[in-house]
Amino acid sequence: MKKYIIGLFSAICLMGAGCTEFEDFTPVDMGEGPAVTVTAEKTAVDAFKVTITPAEGTVYYSYIVTDEAMTVDPDQLLQAKYEGSTLVKAAEKPSVSGTLSNQNLGATYYVYAVASNDKGVCGAVASASVELPDEEAPYLVNVPDGNKYKATNGGRSVVLTFNETVVRGSGAITYDVTKGNLTSYASGTIESVAINNESVTITLPESVVFDENEAVSYVFLDFAEGAFADAGGNVSAALVGGVDEETQTVAAPYWEYTAAQESDFTGTFGFLFYQYDLQTQQPGYTYGIRY
């Protein structure tokens, strides 16, 4: 199904296909009608500028911007019968120009336009295209302060969020589990990586057993370059795990595991409850409960 860019320029008021003057204006097959010049120029990573200028003698012209290549019928386009097409009266707006921002990276956009004279004769359909290649590498977003993430799955997993949909790349992901004093006691390679669009869940191998004698253990992750990639083939940068000795900062995701606190008490608990006599303003009966 074709997708169209509807409402090309928010800053430009364009005439719609409901023009009453156009109802009695019947275009004919393309021939010696006026030409139209179309340009599409990339202005930013995710933006491009479109300019449409019909030749002298144009009464009406129409255009469409889409992210799919089309075979355009000039009469159908001039009558704005394509979804998302826009009809313009040349006397009111001799040319249109504007920039489309926040477009999809990795896509190619196409602009088609046609013009007609006062006899309803269409010129040839003019077109232009512009590519917005995805040249940006995927990177983590929603990064907590200090790269300390909240653990899931009983402290065995962490969920990371990228700026775009990613797939697993060839770069290794390793882990290092340390005691509270940062002494390592388990390390290895992450094999379990579950990806759902931008969301990535990383889980420690089942062989990793936390030291329950440590009140807190830390799990540091290390990502080699290319651990993840996007649809355009751009790969993620390396992230070095662990604590930097000089800055005492952590540049890669990590989380902590808190050992369960169990009580060894085997004695008897006793509770005393006092009633208070409002008339005598003295304690009343005492009740005792023992376990």
C-alpha atoms as a PDB file:
ATOM      1  CA  MET A   1       0.000   0.000   0.000  1.00  0.00           C
ATOM      2  CA  LYS A   2       1.373   3.379  -0.987  1.00  0.00           C
ATOM      3  CA  LYS A   3       2.090   5.861   1.750  1.00  0.00           C
ATOM      4  CA  TYR A   4       1.754   9.553   1.004  1.00  0.00           C
ATOM      5  CA  ILE A   5       3.062  12.676   2.602  1.00  0.00           C
ATOM      6  CA  ILE A   6      -0.117  14.607   3.334  1.00  0.00           C
ATOM      7  CA  GLY A   7       0.002  18.360   3.953  1.00  0.00           C
ATOM      8  CA  LEU A   8       3.326  19.161   2.336  1.00  0.00           C
ATOM      9  CA  PHE A   9       4.100  22.541   3.845  1.00  0.00           C
ATOM     10  CA  SER A  10       2.501  23.595   7.089  1.00  0.00           C
ATOM     11  CA  ALA A  11       3.692  27.167   6.601  1.00  0.00           C
ATOM     12  CA  ILE A  12       2.171  27.499   3.119  1.00  0.00           C
ATOM     13  CA  CYS A  13      -1.584  27.745   2.535  1.00  0.00           C
ATOM     14  CA  LEU A  14      -2.363  25.743  -0.588  1.00  0.00           C
ATOM     15  CA  MET A  15      -5.577  25.520  -2.544  1.00  0.00           C
ATOM     16  CA  GLY A  16      -7.431  22.192  -2.217  1.00  0.00           C
ATOM     17  CA  ALA A  17      -9.160  20.042  -4.809  1.00  0.00           C
ATOM     18  CA  GLY A  18     -12.552  21.402  -3.819  1.00  0.00           C
ATOM     19  CA  CYS A  19     -12.140  24.557  -5.953  1.00  0.00           C
ATOM     20  CA  THR A  20     -15.489  25.375  -7.548  1.00  0.00           C
ATOM     21  CA  GLU A  21     -13.773  26.852 -10.607  1.00  0.00           C
ATOM     22  CA  PHE A  22     -12.118  23.511 -11.277  1.00  0.00           C
ATOM     23  CA  GLU A  23     -15.374  21.577 -11.371  1.00  0.00           C
ATOM     24  CA  ASP A  24     -16.050  22.708 -14.954  1.00  0.00           C
ATOM     25  CA  PHE A  25     -12.405  22.429 -15.980  1.00  0.00           C
ATOM     26  CA  THR A  26     -11.748  19.120 -17.753  1.00  0.00           C
ATOM     27  CA  PRO A  27      -8.099  18.287 -18.518  1.00  0.00           C
ATOM     28  CA  VAL A  28      -7.173  16.350 -21.611  1.00  0.00           C
ATOM     29  CA  ASP A  29      -4.425  13.859 -22.272  1.00  0.00           C
ATOM     30  CA  MET A  30      -0.891  15.011 -21.912  1.00  0.00           C
ATOM     31  CA  GLY A  31       0.410  16.925 -24.894  1.00  0.00           C
ATOM     32  CA  GLU A  32       1.613  20.414 -25.565  1.00  0.00           C
ATOM     33  CA  GLY A  33       0.579  21.749 -22.182  1.00  0.00           C
ATOM     34  CA  PRO A  34       2.839  23.821 -19.934  1.00  0.00           C
ATOM     35  CA  ALA A  35       5.882  22.266 -18.372  1.00  0.00           C
ATOM     36  CA  VAL A  36       6.597  22.229 -14.642  1.00  0.00           C
ATOM     37  CA  THR A  37       9.951  22.247 -12.891  1.00  0.00           C
ATOM     38  CA  VAL A  38      10.385  20.046  -9.798  1.00  0.00           C
ATOM     39  CA  THR A  39      13.402  19.928  -7.470  1.00  0.00           C
ATOM     40  CA  ALA A  40      14.007  17.936  -4.293  1.00  0.00           C
ATOM     41  CA  GLU A  41      17.154  18.732  -2.331  1.00  0.00           C
ATOM     42  CA  LYS A  42      18.382  17.191   0.907  1.00  0.00           C
ATOM     43  CA  THR A  43      18.857  19.853   3.597  1.00  0.00           C
ATOM     44  CA  ALA A  44      19.583  17.751   6.672  1.00  0.00           C
ATOM     45  CA  VAL A  45      19.985  14.137   7.729  1.00  0.00           C
ATOM     46  CA  ASP A  46      16.207  13.740   7.917  1.00  0.00           C
ATOM     47  CA  ALA A  47      14.919  16.667   5.836  1.00  0.00           C
ATOM     48  CA  PHE A  48      14.629  17.857   2.236  1.00  0.00           C
ATOM     49  CA  LYS A  49      13.362  20.901   0.378  1.00  0.00           C
ATOM     50  CA  VAL A  50      10.867  20.683  -2.480  1.00  0.00           C
ATOM     51  CA  THR A  51      10.238  23.431  -5.055  1.00  0.00           C
ATOM     52  CA  ILE A  52       7.565  23.238  -7.753  1.00  0.00           C
ATOM     53  CA  THR A  53       7.387  25.931 -10.448  1.00  0.00           C
ATOM     54  CA  PRO A  54       5.061  25.670 -13.462  1.00  0.00           C
ATOM     55  CA  ALA A  55       5.808  27.406 -16.760  1.00  0.00           C
ATOM     56  CA  GLU A  56       4.126  30.570 -18.010  1.00  0.00           C
ATOM     57  CA  GLY A  57       0.596  29.954 -19.236  1.00  0.00           C
ATOM     58  CA  THR A  58      -0.272  27.542 -16.434  1.00  0.00           C
ATOM     59  CA  VAL A  59      -3.758  27.827 -14.970  1.00  0.00           C
ATOM     60  CA  TYR A  60      -3.667  24.879 -12.589  1.00  0.00           C
ATOM     61  CA  TYR A  61      -0.938  22.579 -11.390  1.00  0.00           C
ATOM     62  CA  SER A  62      -0.925  19.691  -8.968  1.00  0.00           C
ATOM     63  CA  TYR A  63       1.715  17.685  -7.138  1.00  0.00           C
ATOM     64  CA  ILE A  64       2.246  14.801  -4.757  1.00  0.00           C
ATOM     65  CA  VAL A  65       5.106  13.727  -2.481  1.00  0.00           C
ATOM     66  CA  THR A  66       5.424  10.040  -1.645  1.00  0.00           C
ATOM     67  CA  ASP A  67       7.974   7.559  -0.355  1.00  0.00           C
ATOM     68  CA  GLU A  68       7.194   5.041  -3.117  1.00  0.00           C
ATOM     69  CA  ALA A  69       7.920   5.230  -6.825  1.00  0.00           C
ATOM     70  CA  MET A  70       4.699   5.635  -8.845  1.00  0.00           C
ATOM     71  CA  THR A  71       3.445   5.523 -12.413  1.00  0.00           C
ATOM     72  CA  VAL A  72       1.459   8.750 -12.520  1.00  0.00           C
ATOM     73  CA  ASP A  73      -1.412   9.528 -14.875  1.00  0.00           C
ATOM     74  CA  PRO A  74      -1.274  13.286 -15.634  1.00  0.00           C
ATOM     75  CA  ASP A  75      -5.056  13.772 -15.783  1.00  0.00           C
ATOM     76  CA  GLN A  76      -5.588  11.947 -12.504  1.00  0.00           C
ATOM     77  CA  LEU A  77      -2.856  13.954 -10.814  1.00  0.00           C
ATOM     78  CA  LEU A  78      -4.118  17.274 -12.176  1.00  0.00           C
ATOM     79  CA  GLN A  79      -7.563  16.529 -10.746  1.00  0.00           C
ATOM     80  CA  ALA A  80      -5.899  15.669  -7.398  1.00  0.00           C
ATOM     81  CA  LYS A  81      -7.360  12.172  -7.434  1.00  0.00           C
ATOM     82  CA  TYR A  82      -4.276  10.605  -5.891  1.00  0.00           C
ATOM     83  CA  GLU A  83      -4.488  10.404  -2.132  1.00  0.00           C
ATOM     84  CA  GLY A  84      -2.331  13.147  -0.666  1.00  0.00           C
ATOM     85  CA  SER A  85      -2.091  15.186  -3.884  1.00  0.00           C
ATOM     86  CA  THR A  86      -2.549  18.956  -3.819  1.00  0.00           C
ATOM     87  CA  LEU A  87      -4.112  21.207  -6.474  1.00  0.00           C
ATOM     88  CA  VAL A  88      -2.903  24.799  -6.850  1.00  0.00           C
ATOM     89  CA  LYS A  89      -4.269  27.745  -8.843  1.00  0.00           C
ATOM     90  CA  ALA A  90      -1.283  29.351 -10.542  1.00  0.00           C
ATOM     91  CA  ALA A  91      -2.763  32.870 -10.399  1.00  0.00           C
ATOM     92  CA  GLU A  92      -2.836  32.656  -6.602  1.00  0.00           C
ATOM     93  CA  LYS A  93       0.449  30.860  -6.086  1.00  0.00           C
ATOM     94  CA  PRO A  94       2.886  30.831  -9.024  1.00  0.00           C
ATOM     95  CA  SER A  95       5.230  28.470  -7.186  1.00  0.00           C
ATOM     96  CA  VAL A  96       5.402  26.438  -3.988  1.00  0.00           C
ATOM     97  CA  SER A  97       8.459  25.695  -1.919  1.00  0.00           C
ATOM     98  CA  GLY A  98       9.009  24.233   1.515  1.00  0.00           C
ATOM     99  CA  THR A  99      10.994  21.812   3.653  1.00  0.00           C
ATOM    100  CA  LEU A 100       9.825  18.474   5.044  1.00  0.00           C
ATOM    101  CA  SER A 101      11.543  17.598   8.323  1.00  0.00           C
ATOM    102  CA  ASN A 102      11.690  14.511  10.549  1.00  0.00           C
ATOM    103  CA  GLN A 103      11.424  12.126   7.605  1.00  0.00           C
ATOM    104  CA  ASN A 104      12.363   8.453   7.653  1.00  0.00           C
ATOM    105  CA  LEU A 105      16.057   7.709   7.354  1.00  0.00           C
ATOM    106  CA  GLY A 106      16.931   5.123   4.756  1.00  0.00           C
ATOM    107  CA  ALA A 107      13.973   6.128   2.563  1.00  0.00           C
ATOM    108  CA  THR A 108      13.789   7.634  -0.920  1.00  0.00           C
ATOM    109  CA  TYR A 109      11.154  10.300  -1.511  1.00  0.00           C
ATOM    110  CA  TYR A 110       9.565  11.123  -4.876  1.00  0.00           C
ATOM    111  CA  VAL A 111       7.864  14.315  -6.062  1.00  0.00           C
ATOM    112  CA  TYR A 112       5.512  14.314  -9.058  1.00  0.00           C
ATOM    113  CA  ALA A 113       3.872  17.392 -10.612  1.00  0.00           C
ATOM    114  CA  VAL A 114       1.867  18.336 -13.680  1.00  0.00           C
ATOM    115  CA  ALA A 115       0.431  21.605 -15.096  1.00  0.00           C
ATOM    116  CA  SER A 116      -2.300  22.559 -17.526  1.00  0.00           C
ATOM    117  CA  ASN A 117      -3.205  25.655 -19.563  1.00  0.00           C
ATOM    118  CA  ASP A 118      -6.504  27.495 -20.033  1.00  0.00           C
ATOM    119  CA  LYS A 119      -7.649  24.883 -22.548  1.00  0.00           C
ATOM    120  CA  GLY A 120      -7.160  22.063 -20.073  1.00  0.00           C
ATOM    121  CA  VAL A 121      -4.171  20.644 -21.944  1.00  0.00           C
ATOM    122  CA  CYS A 122      -1.745  18.870 -19.600  1.00  0.00           C
ATOM    123  CA  GLY A 123       1.973  18.984 -19.952  1.00  0.00           C
ATOM    124  CA  ALA A 124       4.234  16.058 -19.154  1.00  0.00           C
ATOM    125  CA  VAL A 125       4.547  14.816 -15.585  1.00  0.00           C
ATOM    126  CA  ALA A 126       7.737  16.119 -14.032  1.00  0.00           C
ATOM    127  CA  SER A 127       9.424  14.294 -11.161  1.00  0.00           C
ATOM    128  CA  ALA A 128      12.348  14.456  -8.777  1.00  0.00           C
ATOM    129  CA  SER A 129      13.647  12.205  -6.010  1.00  0.00           C
ATOM    130  CA  VAL A 130      15.876  12.526  -2.999  1.00  0.00           C
ATOM    131  CA  GLU A 131      17.489   9.885  -0.798  1.00  0.00           C
ATOM    132  CA  LEU A 132      17.840  10.155   2.968  1.00  0.00           C
ATOM    133  CA  PRO A 133      20.423   7.488   3.724  1.00  0.00           C
ATOM    134  CA  ASP A 134      20.662   6.217   7.269  1.00  0.00           C
ATOM    135  CA  GLU A 135      24.226   7.077   8.260  1.00  0.00           C
ATOM    136  CA  GLU A 136      23.729   7.280  12.025  1.00  0.00           C
ATOM    137  CA  ALA A 137      24.835   4.416  14.252  1.00  0.00           C
ATOM    138  CA  PRO A 138      22.336   3.105  16.831  1.00  0.00           C
ATOM    139  CA  TYR A 139      22.893   4.319  20.387  1.00  0.00           C
ATOM    140  CA  LEU A 140      21.331   3.878  23.817  1.00  0.00           C
ATOM    141  CA  VAL A 141      18.614   6.248  25.007  1.00  0.00           C
ATOM    142  CA  ASN A 142      16.910   6.665  28.393  1.00  0.00           C
ATOM    143  CA  VAL A 143      20.287   6.114  30.022  1.00  0.00           C
ATOM    144  CA  PRO A 144      20.014   6.415  33.820  1.00  0.00           C
ATOM    145  CA  ASP A 145      22.438   8.541  35.790  1.00  0.00           C
ATOM    146  CA  GLY A 146      25.777   6.779  36.022  1.00  0.00           C
ATOM    147  CA  ASN A 147      24.600   3.979  33.685  1.00  0.00           C
ATOM    148  CA  LYS A 148      23.069   2.145  36.639  1.00  0.00           C
ATOM    149  CA  TYR A 149      20.062   0.206  35.362  1.00  0.00           C
ATOM    150  CA  LYS A 150      17.266  -1.438  37.311  1.00  0.00           C
ATOM    151  CA  ALA A 151      17.585  -5.204  37.327  1.00  0.00           C
ATOM    152  CA  THR A 152      14.761  -7.488  36.226  1.00  0.00           C
ATOM    153  CA  ASN A 153      14.100 -11.222  36.437  1.00  0.00           C
ATOM    154  CA  GLY A 154      15.364 -11.545  39.998  1.00  0.00           C
ATOM    155  CA  GLY A 155      18.456  -9.508  39.261  1.00  0.00           C
ATOM    156  CA  ARG A 156      19.558 -11.604  36.277  1.00  0.00           C
ATOM    157  CA  SER A 157      18.471  -9.348  33.408  1.00  0.00           C
ATOM    158  CA  VAL A 158      18.497  -5.757  32.272  1.00  0.00           C
ATOM    159  CA  VAL A 159      16.443  -3.969  29.591  1.00  0.00           C
ATOM    160  CA  LEU A 160      18.176  -1.439  27.323  1.00  0.00           C
ATOM    161  CA  THR A 161      16.527   0.951  24.856  1.00  0.00           C
ATOM    162  CA  PHE A 162      18.094   2.108  21.589  1.00  0.00           C
ATOM    163  CA  ASN A 163      17.127   5.126  19.490  1.00  0.00           C
ATOM    164  CA  GLU A 164      15.921   2.888  16.660  1.00  0.00           C
ATOM    165  CA  THR A 165      15.164  -0.719  15.786  1.00  0.00           C
ATOM    166  CA  VAL A 166      18.285  -2.872  16.035  1.00  0.00           C
ATOM    167  CA  VAL A 167      19.402  -6.406  15.332  1.00  0.00           C
ATOM    168  CA  ARG A 168      22.154  -8.413  16.973  1.00  0.00           C
ATOM    169  CA  GLY A 169      25.530  -7.720  15.412  1.00  0.00           C
ATOM    170  CA  SER A 170      28.803  -9.605  15.440  1.00  0.00           C
ATOM    171  CA  GLY A 171      30.367  -7.737  18.371  1.00  0.00           C
ATOM    172  CA  ALA A 172      30.668  -9.660  21.629  1.00  0.00           C
ATOM    173  CA  ILE A 173      28.812  -8.745  24.812  1.00  0.00           C
ATOM    174  CA  THR A 174      30.570  -9.814  27.981  1.00  0.00           C
ATOM    175  CA  TYR A 175      29.745  -9.588  31.680  1.00  0.00           C
ATOM    176  CA  ASP A 176      31.720  -9.280  34.903  1.00  0.00           C
ATOM    177  CA  VAL A 177      30.083 -10.000  38.273  1.00  0.00           C
ATOM    178  CA  THR A 178      31.876  -8.491  41.246  1.00  0.00           C
ATOM    179  CA  LYS A 179      31.571  -8.284  44.998  1.00  0.00           C
ATOM    180  CA  GLY A 180      30.722  -5.023  46.677  1.00  0.00           C
ATOM    181  CA  ASN A 181      34.439  -4.156  46.741  1.00  0.00           C
ATOM    182  CA  LEU A 182      34.557  -4.727  42.943  1.00  0.00           C
ATOM    183  CA  THR A 183      36.470  -7.998  43.224  1.00  0.00           C
ATOM    184  CA  SER A 184      35.399 -10.161  40.299  1.00  0.00           C
ATOM    185  CA  TYR A 185      34.016 -13.634  40.936  1.00  0.00           C
ATOM    186  CA  ALA A 186      32.196 -14.481  37.672  1.00  0.00           C
ATOM    187  CA  SER A 187      32.723 -13.415  34.067  1.00  0.00           C
ATOM    188  CA  GLY A 188      31.953 -14.627  30.579  1.00  0.00           C
ATOM    189  CA  THR A 189      29.995 -13.977  27.378  1.00  0.00           C
ATOM    190  CA  ILE A 190      26.334 -13.045  27.110  1.00  0.00           C
ATOM    191  CA  GLU A 191      24.435 -15.477  24.904  1.00  0.00           C
ATOM    192  CA  SER A 192      20.830 -14.549  25.733  1.00  0.00           C
ATOM    193  CA  VAL A 193      19.849 -11.340  23.921  1.00  0.00           C
ATOM    194  CA  ALA A 194      16.152 -10.781  23.232  1.00  0.00           C
ATOM    195  CA  ILE A 195      15.326  -7.923  20.839  1.00  0.00           C
ATOM    196  CA  ASN A 196      11.952  -6.288  20.303  1.00  0.00           C
ATOM    197  CA  ASN A 197      12.422  -3.351  17.919  1.00  0.00           C
ATOM    198  CA  GLU A 198      14.317  -0.747  20.012  1.00  0.00           C
ATOM    199  CA  SER A 199      14.121  -2.762  23.254  1.00  0.00           C
ATOM    200  CA  VAL A 200      16.933  -5.183  24.119  1.00  0.00           C
ATOM    201  CA  THR A 201      16.870  -7.580  27.081  1.00  0.00           C
ATOM    202  CA  ILE A 202      20.201  -9.028  28.188  1.00  0.00           C
ATOM    203  CA  THR A 203      20.210 -11.987  30.576  1.00  0.00           C
ATOM    204  CA  LEU A 204      23.060 -13.645  32.433  1.00  0.00           C
ATOM    205  CA  PRO A 205      23.772 -17.312  31.665  1.00  0.00           C
ATOM    206  CA  GLU A 206      22.103 -19.802  33.997  1.00  0.00           C
ATOM    207  CA  SER A 207      25.553 -20.917  35.134  1.00  0.00           C
ATOM    208  CA  VAL A 208      26.106 -17.597  36.922  1.00  0.00           C
ATOM    209  CA  VAL A 209      25.384 -17.955  40.652  1.00  0.00           C
ATOM    210  CA  PHE A 210      25.371 -14.856  42.819  1.00  0.00           C
ATOM    211  CA  ASP A 211      27.389 -14.972  46.020  1.00  0.00           C
ATOM    212  CA  GLU A 212      24.696 -14.813  48.710  1.00  0.00           C
ATOM    213  CA  ASN A 213      27.383 -14.006  51.291  1.00  0.00           C
ATOM    214  CA  GLU A 214      27.791 -10.637  49.602  1.00  0.00           C
ATOM    215  CA  ALA A 215      25.145  -8.079  50.541  1.00  0.00           C
ATOM    216  CA  VAL A 216      25.515  -6.489  47.094  1.00  0.00           C
ATOM    217  CA  SER A 217      26.970  -7.798  43.855  1.00  0.00           C
ATOM    218  CA  TYR A 218      27.498  -5.757  40.679  1.00  0.00           C
ATOM    219  CA  VAL A 219      27.018  -6.921  37.095  1.00  0.00           C
ATOM    220  CA  PHE A 220      29.055  -4.895  34.585  1.00  0.00           C
ATOM    221  CA  LEU A 221      28.485  -5.245  30.835  1.00  0.00           C
ATOM    222  CA  ASP A 222      31.028  -4.690  28.084  1.00  0.00           C
ATOM    223  CA  PHE A 223      29.984  -4.171  24.442  1.00  0.00           C
ATOM    224  CA  ALA A 224      32.410  -4.630  21.560  1.00  0.00           C
ATOM    225  CA  GLU A 225      31.937  -2.430  18.507  1.00  0.00           C
ATOM    226  CA  GLY A 226      29.158  -3.813  16.343  1.00  0.00           C
ATOM    227  CA  ALA A 227      27.273  -5.567  19.124  1.00  0.00           C
ATOM    228  CA  PHE A 228      24.146  -4.180  17.454  1.00  0.00           C
ATOM    229  CA  ALA A 229      23.289  -2.845  14.000  1.00  0.00           C
ATOM    230  CA  ASP A 230      20.405  -0.974  12.375  1.00  0.00           C
ATOM    231  CA  ALA A 231      18.580  -1.558   9.091  1.00  0.00           C
ATOM    232  CA  GLY A 232      21.071   0.645   7.257  1.00  0.00           C
ATOM    233  CA  GLY A 233      24.026  -1.493   8.349  1.00  0.00           C
ATOM    234  CA  ASN A 234      25.369   1.060  10.833  1.00  0.00           C
ATOM    235  CA  VAL A 235      26.898  -0.597  13.883  1.00  0.00           C
ATOM    236  CA  SER A 236      26.892   0.465  17.518  1.00  0.00           C
ATOM    237  CA  ALA A 237      30.017   1.859  19.137  1.00  0.00           C
ATOM    238  CA  ALA A 238      32.010  -0.011  21.773  1.00  0.00           C
ATOM    239  CA  LEU A 239      31.104   0.511  25.432  1.00  0.00           C
ATOM    240  CA  VAL A 240      33.717  -0.439  28.005  1.00  0.00           C
ATOM    241  CA  GLY A 241      32.286  -1.862  31.230  1.00  0.00           C
ATOM    242  CA  GLY A 242      33.598  -1.646  34.766  1.00  0.00           C
ATOM    243  CA  VAL A 243      34.672   1.301  36.892  1.00  0.00           C
ATOM    244  CA  ASP A 244      37.308   3.653  35.509  1.00  0.00           C
ATOM    245  CA  GLU A 245      40.127   3.795  38.057  1.00  0.00           C
ATOM    246  CA  GLU A 246      40.893   7.464  37.447  1.00  0.00           C
ATOM    247  CA  THR A 247      37.418   8.959  37.136  1.00  0.00           C
ATOM    248  CA  GLN A 248      35.539   6.334  39.181  1.00  0.00           C
ATOM    249  CA  THR A 249      32.773   6.423  36.566  1.00  0.00           C
ATOM    250  CA  VAL A 250      31.039   3.659  34.614  1.00  0.00           C
ATOM    251  CA  ALA A 251      30.654   4.156  30.855  1.00  0.00           C
ATOM    252  CA  ALA A 252      28.532   1.088  30.100  1.00  0.00           C
ATOM    253  CA  PRO A 253      25.314  -0.373  31.547  1.00  0.00           C
ATOM    254  CA  TYR A 254      25.524  -2.154  34.880  1.00  0.00           C
ATOM    255  CA  TRP A 255      23.166  -3.197  37.645  1.00  0.00           C
ATOM    256  CA  GLU A 256      23.328  -4.533  41.181  1.00  0.00           C
ATOM    257  CA  TYR A 257      22.044  -7.675  42.814  1.00  0.00           C
ATOM    258  CA  THR A 258      21.031  -7.542  46.477  1.00  0.00           C
ATOM    259  CA  ALA A 259      21.238 -10.806  48.365  1.00  0.00           C
ATOM    260  CA  ALA A 260      18.101 -11.922  50.209  1.00  0.00           C
ATOM    261  CA  GLN A 261      18.245 -11.131  53.930  1.00  0.00           C
ATOM    262  CA  GLU A 262      17.122 -14.133  56.005  1.00  0.00           C
ATOM    263  CA  SER A 263      16.669 -14.143  59.789  1.00  0.00           C
ATOM    264  CA  ASP A 264      18.247 -16.916  61.927  1.00  0.00           C
ATOM    265  CA  PHE A 265      16.133 -16.061  65.013  1.00  0.00           C
ATOM    266  CA  THR A 266      14.563 -19.186  66.595  1.00  0.00           C
ATOM    267  CA  GLY A 267      13.456 -17.793  70.019  1.00  0.00           C
ATOM    268  CA  THR A 268      10.078 -16.642  71.331  1.00  0.00           C
ATOM    269  CA  PHE A 269       8.500 -13.269  70.654  1.00  0.00           C
ATOM    270  CA  GLY A 270       6.393 -11.608  73.332  1.00  0.00           C
ATOM    271  CA  PHE A 271       3.993  -8.663  72.879  1.00  0.00           C
ATOM    272  CA  LEU A 272       2.297  -6.675  75.647  1.00  0.00           C
ATOM    273  CA  PHE A 273      -0.809  -4.604  75.044  1.00  0.00           C
ATOM    274  CA  TYR A 274      -2.183  -2.078  77.601  1.00  0.00           C
ATOM    275  CA  GLN A 275      -5.701  -0.784  77.911  1.00  0.00           C
ATOM    276  CA  TYR A 276      -6.057   2.704  79.319  1.00  0.00           C
ATOM    277  CA  ASP A 277      -8.920   3.485  81.761  1.00  0.00           C
ATOM    278  CA  LEU A 278     -10.163   6.990  80.932  1.00  0.00           C
ATOM    279  CA  GLN A 279     -12.078   7.334  84.226  1.00  0.00           C
ATOM    280  CA  THR A 280      -9.214   6.462  86.545  1.00  0.00           C
ATOM    281  CA  GLN A 281      -6.618   7.700  84.086  1.00  0.00           C
ATOM    282  CA  GLN A 282      -4.587   4.563  84.868  1.00  0.00           C
ATOM    283  CA  PRO A 283      -3.453   1.587  82.805  1.00  0.00           C
ATOM    284  CA  GLY A 284      -6.033  -1.149  82.718  1.00  0.00           C
ATOM    285  CA  TYR A 285      -5.650  -4.820  81.934  1.00  0.00           C
ATOM    286  CA  THR A 286      -2.484  -6.192  80.330  1.00  0.00           C
ATOM    287  CA  TYR A 287      -2.674  -8.811  77.627  1.00  0.00           C
ATOM    288  CA  GLY A 288       0.254 -10.942  76.595  1.00  0.00           C
ATOM    289  CA  ILE A 289       0.750 -12.833  73.309  1.00  0.00           C
ATOM    290  CA  ARG A 290       3.635 -15.208  72.840  1.00  0.00           C
ATOM    291  CA  TYR A 291       4.963 -17.044  69.759  1.00  0.00           C
END
